Amino acid sequence: LLFFNQLQKDLEEVKELLAKATRKRLRDVLMTEKHKLELEIKNQPPPKPKDVAEEDKSSLGGYTVKINNYGWDQSDKFIKIYISLSGVQKLPAENVQVNFTERSFDLLVKNLNGKNYTMTFNNLLKPISVEGSSRKIKTDMVLVMCRKKQEEKWECLTQVEKESKEKEKAAYDTSDPSEGLMNLLKKMYAEGDDEMKRTINKAWVESREKQSKGDIPMDI
């Protein structure tokens, strides 16, 4: 729920920036980011019944931090996620827990410098082997090793990322460059709140007024 609320706040801020942006390149970047956030919010899984890992988290004392920064790599057999955590090698091994399912994993690091750290990956792009997956504790780093069920290359980590890339490509892959932008504007208008609709309407009216005055070329 906390992660979902953070996504909503990120989306609202992107909308505010879009309302103020005037440069086409900046608006394109912001609209792409807005689309990604909307897709990620849409694909958030429903709350799960409390399992052992969730009970562990709820019983933790101290401040819990959600990990958002990571690196990843892959080999023929593994997806490798690198999480930097200063001093993690000093913890007892049982303080670093990873719970795997066929399409997800949860990382929980307990009592590191007075804080607890969590990371959740849902909707992994392809199935993984729960039995073959593991974690390794290195100097200032946790390495999560997801064993691929099939030895094939992953183009990204999650299904959400894949869908986002495909929709972005479809939106921009047109013979007319302005059509791709118009498609995104139409989507924003259809899914936006009243304030977003007013912002888009205002920008459209101002653009038409400038065209009629000859301030900008008519083919823009």
Protein backbone atom coordinates (compact mmCIF):
# COMPACT_ATOMS: atom_id res chain seq x y z
CA LEU A 1 0.00 0.00 0.00
CA LEU A 2 2.87 2.38 0.84
CA PHE A 3 4.52 1.70 -2.55
CA PHE A 4 1.17 2.27 -4.30
CA ASN A 5 0.80 5.65 -2.54
CA GLN A 6 4.32 6.63 -3.60
CA LEU A 7 3.48 5.82 -7.23
CA GLN A 8 0.36 7.99 -6.99
CA LYS A 9 2.40 10.90 -5.62
CA ASP A 10 4.99 10.49 -8.41
CA LEU A 11 2.19 10.53 -10.98
CA GLU A 12 0.66 13.72 -9.55
CA GLU A 13 4.05 15.47 -9.66
CA VAL A 14 4.62 14.42 -13.29
CA LYS A 15 1.17 15.84 -14.13
CA GLU A 16 2.08 19.14 -12.48
CA LEU A 17 5.34 19.33 -14.44
CA LEU A 18 3.50 18.55 -17.67
CA ALA A 19 1.11 21.42 -17.03
CA LYS A 20 4.07 23.80 -16.87
CA ALA A 21 6.29 22.32 -19.60
CA THR A 22 6.40 24.07 -22.99
CA ARG A 23 9.36 22.41 -24.77
CA LYS A 24 8.35 19.46 -26.96
CA ARG A 25 11.28 17.25 -25.94
CA LEU A 26 10.61 17.81 -22.25
CA ARG A 27 6.89 17.12 -22.70
CA ASP A 28 7.71 13.89 -24.58
CA VAL A 29 9.93 12.71 -21.72
CA LEU A 30 7.33 13.63 -19.10
CA MET A 31 4.53 11.94 -21.00
CA THR A 32 6.58 8.76 -21.35
CA GLU A 33 7.24 8.78 -17.60
CA LYS A 34 3.54 9.43 -16.91
CA HIS A 35 2.60 6.45 -19.06
CA LYS A 36 5.05 4.20 -17.20
CA LEU A 37 3.66 5.25 -13.82
CA GLU A 38 0.05 4.70 -14.92
CA LEU A 39 0.96 1.24 -16.19
CA GLU A 40 2.80 0.35 -12.99
CA ILE A 41 -0.13 1.52 -10.84
CA LYS A 42 -2.53 -0.48 -13.02
CA ASN A 43 -0.42 -3.62 -12.64
CA GLN A 44 0.01 -3.44 -8.86
CA PRO A 45 -1.15 -6.81 -7.48
CA PRO A 46 -4.04 -6.91 -4.98
CA PRO A 47 -3.09 -7.18 -1.30
CA LYS A 48 -2.02 -10.72 -0.41
CA PRO A 49 -3.00 -12.57 2.74
CA LYS A 50 -0.33 -12.26 5.36
CA ASP A 51 2.30 -14.93 4.95
CA VAL A 52 5.33 -15.66 7.10
CA ALA A 53 7.42 -12.96 5.41
CA GLU A 54 4.68 -10.38 5.93
CA GLU A 55 4.36 -11.34 9.58
CA ASP A 56 8.11 -10.95 9.97
CA LYS A 57 7.87 -7.45 8.52
CA SER A 58 4.94 -6.42 10.70
CA SER A 59 6.74 -7.60 13.85
CA LEU A 60 9.90 -5.65 13.11
CA GLY A 61 10.95 -2.88 15.43
CA GLY A 62 12.59 0.33 14.22
CA TYR A 63 12.31 2.20 10.95
CA THR A 64 11.71 0.26 7.71
CA VAL A 65 13.16 1.56 4.44
CA LYS A 66 11.96 0.46 1.00
CA ILE A 67 14.87 -0.19 -1.37
CA ASN A 68 14.42 1.43 -4.78
CA ASN A 69 17.97 1.44 -6.14
CA TYR A 70 19.51 -1.69 -7.58
CA GLY A 71 21.51 -3.01 -10.50
CA TRP A 72 20.93 -6.18 -12.47
CA ASP A 73 22.67 -8.51 -14.87
CA GLN A 74 22.07 -11.97 -16.28
CA SER A 75 23.84 -15.12 -17.35
CA ASP A 76 22.42 -18.11 -19.22
CA LYS A 77 21.10 -19.57 -15.96
CA PHE A 78 20.53 -16.65 -13.59
CA ILE A 79 19.04 -13.20 -13.22
CA LYS A 80 21.28 -11.32 -10.78
CA ILE A 81 20.01 -8.33 -8.77
CA TYR A 82 22.62 -6.27 -6.92
CA ILE A 83 21.47 -4.25 -3.86
CA SER A 84 24.02 -1.97 -2.17
CA LEU A 85 23.70 -1.91 1.65
CA SER A 86 26.64 -0.53 3.61
CA GLY A 87 27.85 -2.94 6.30
CA VAL A 88 25.41 -5.73 5.46
CA GLN A 89 28.21 -8.34 5.67
CA LYS A 90 28.43 -7.69 9.43
CA LEU A 91 24.88 -8.94 10.08
CA PRO A 92 24.03 -12.50 11.16
CA ALA A 93 23.10 -14.48 8.02
CA GLU A 94 19.53 -15.04 9.29
CA ASN A 95 18.95 -11.26 9.21
CA VAL A 96 19.02 -11.31 5.39
CA GLN A 97 15.96 -13.18 4.13
CA VAL A 98 14.62 -13.68 0.60
CA ASN A 99 11.26 -15.30 -0.13
CA PHE A 100 10.93 -16.55 -3.74
CA THR A 101 7.86 -17.53 -5.76
CA GLU A 102 7.76 -18.54 -9.42
CA ARG A 103 7.22 -14.92 -10.53
CA SER A 104 8.37 -12.77 -7.58
CA PHE A 105 10.71 -12.33 -4.66
CA ASP A 106 10.78 -10.37 -1.38
CA LEU A 107 13.99 -9.27 0.30
CA LEU A 108 14.05 -8.40 4.00
CA VAL A 109 17.18 -7.15 5.79
CA LYS A 110 16.72 -6.81 9.57
CA ASN A 111 18.38 -4.38 11.93
CA LEU A 112 21.09 -2.92 9.67
CA ASN A 113 22.43 0.17 11.47
CA GLY A 114 19.14 0.45 13.37
CA LYS A 115 16.93 0.16 10.27
CA ASN A 116 15.15 -2.61 8.36
CA TYR A 117 15.24 -2.74 4.56
CA THR A 118 12.73 -4.32 2.17
CA MET A 119 12.49 -4.84 -1.57
CA THR A 120 9.69 -6.54 -3.51
CA PHE A 121 9.71 -7.62 -7.16
CA ASN A 122 6.34 -8.79 -8.53
CA ASN A 123 5.42 -9.95 -12.05
CA LEU A 124 8.89 -11.09 -13.07
CA LEU A 125 9.15 -11.33 -16.84
CA LYS A 126 9.52 -15.13 -16.88
CA PRO A 127 9.19 -17.96 -14.34
CA ILE A 128 12.06 -18.73 -11.99
CA SER A 129 12.94 -21.85 -10.03
CA VAL A 130 12.22 -21.30 -6.33
CA GLU A 131 14.52 -24.16 -5.29
CA GLY A 132 17.38 -22.98 -7.52
CA SER A 133 17.23 -19.34 -6.42
CA SER A 134 19.24 -17.93 -3.52
CA ARG A 135 20.93 -14.88 -2.06
CA LYS A 136 24.57 -14.12 -1.36
CA ILE A 137 25.92 -11.61 1.14
CA LYS A 138 28.96 -9.70 -0.07
CA THR A 139 30.83 -6.64 1.22
CA ASP A 140 28.28 -3.78 1.34
CA MET A 141 26.00 -5.70 -1.02
CA VAL A 142 23.28 -8.36 -1.25
CA LEU A 143 23.19 -10.38 -4.46
CA VAL A 144 19.82 -12.01 -5.26
CA MET A 145 20.22 -14.94 -7.67
CA CYS A 146 17.00 -15.88 -9.52
CA ARG A 147 17.42 -19.22 -11.29
CA LYS A 148 15.80 -19.10 -14.74
CA LYS A 149 13.46 -21.97 -15.52
CA GLN A 150 14.50 -21.71 -19.16
CA GLU A 151 17.95 -20.63 -20.28
CA GLU A 152 16.98 -17.67 -22.42
CA LYS A 153 17.79 -13.97 -22.45
CA TRP A 154 15.43 -11.60 -20.60
CA GLU A 155 14.91 -8.22 -22.27
CA CYS A 156 13.87 -6.66 -18.95
CA LEU A 157 13.08 -7.69 -15.38
CA THR A 158 9.29 -7.46 -15.14
CA GLN A 159 6.17 -7.84 -17.24
CA VAL A 160 5.26 -4.22 -16.46
CA GLU A 161 8.51 -2.98 -18.04
CA LYS A 162 7.88 -5.08 -21.14
CA GLU A 163 4.31 -3.79 -21.59
CA SER A 164 5.48 -0.23 -21.08
CA LYS A 165 8.18 -0.57 -23.76
CA GLU A 166 5.74 -2.14 -26.22
CA LYS A 167 3.13 0.60 -25.71
CA GLU A 168 5.73 3.35 -26.03
CA LYS A 169 7.00 1.82 -29.28
CA ALA A 170 3.45 1.50 -30.64
CA ALA A 171 2.67 5.11 -29.73
CA TYR A 172 5.75 6.52 -31.45
CA ASP A 173 6.04 4.04 -34.32
CA THR A 174 4.01 5.98 -36.92
CA SER A 175 4.86 7.47 -40.29
CA ASP A 176 3.88 10.92 -38.99
CA PRO A 177 6.03 11.94 -35.96
CA SER A 178 3.31 14.28 -34.67
CA GLU A 179 0.80 11.41 -34.70
CA GLY A 180 2.68 9.54 -32.00
CA LEU A 181 2.62 12.59 -29.77
CA MET A 182 -1.07 13.12 -30.51
CA ASN A 183 -1.80 9.52 -29.52
CA LEU A 184 -0.18 10.09 -26.15
CA LEU A 185 -2.07 13.36 -25.66
CA LYS A 186 -5.36 11.61 -26.43
CA LYS A 187 -4.54 8.90 -23.88
CA MET A 188 -3.62 11.49 -21.26
CA TYR A 189 -6.89 13.33 -21.91
CA ALA A 190 -8.98 10.16 -21.72
CA GLU A 191 -7.38 8.98 -18.47
CA GLY A 192 -6.66 12.35 -16.85
CA ASP A 193 -8.61 14.12 -14.14
CA ASP A 194 -10.55 17.36 -14.68
CA GLU A 195 -7.45 19.48 -14.11
CA MET A 196 -5.47 17.53 -16.71
CA LYS A 197 -8.31 17.87 -19.23
CA ARG A 198 -8.43 21.64 -18.64
CA THR A 199 -4.65 21.89 -19.08
CA ILE A 200 -4.72 20.00 -22.39
CA ASN A 201 -7.71 21.99 -23.65
CA LYS A 202 -5.99 25.27 -22.76
CA ALA A 203 -2.75 24.24 -24.50
CA TRP A 204 -4.73 23.22 -27.61
CA VAL A 205 -6.65 26.50 -27.75
CA GLU A 206 -3.48 28.56 -27.30
CA SER A 207 -1.76 26.55 -30.03
CA ARG A 208 -4.63 27.16 -32.47
CA GLU A 209 -4.64 30.88 -31.62
CA LYS A 210 -0.92 31.13 -32.36
CA GLN A 211 -1.44 29.35 -35.67
CA SER A 212 -4.21 31.71 -36.68
CA LYS A 213 -1.98 34.71 -35.89
CA GLY A 214 0.87 33.25 -37.89
CA ASP A 215 3.15 32.95 -34.87
CA ILE A 216 3.99 29.31 -35.68
CA PRO A 217 3.80 27.27 -38.88
CA MET A 218 0.43 25.65 -39.54
CA ASP A 219 1.90 22.18 -40.02
CA ILE A 220 3.13 21.92 -36.41
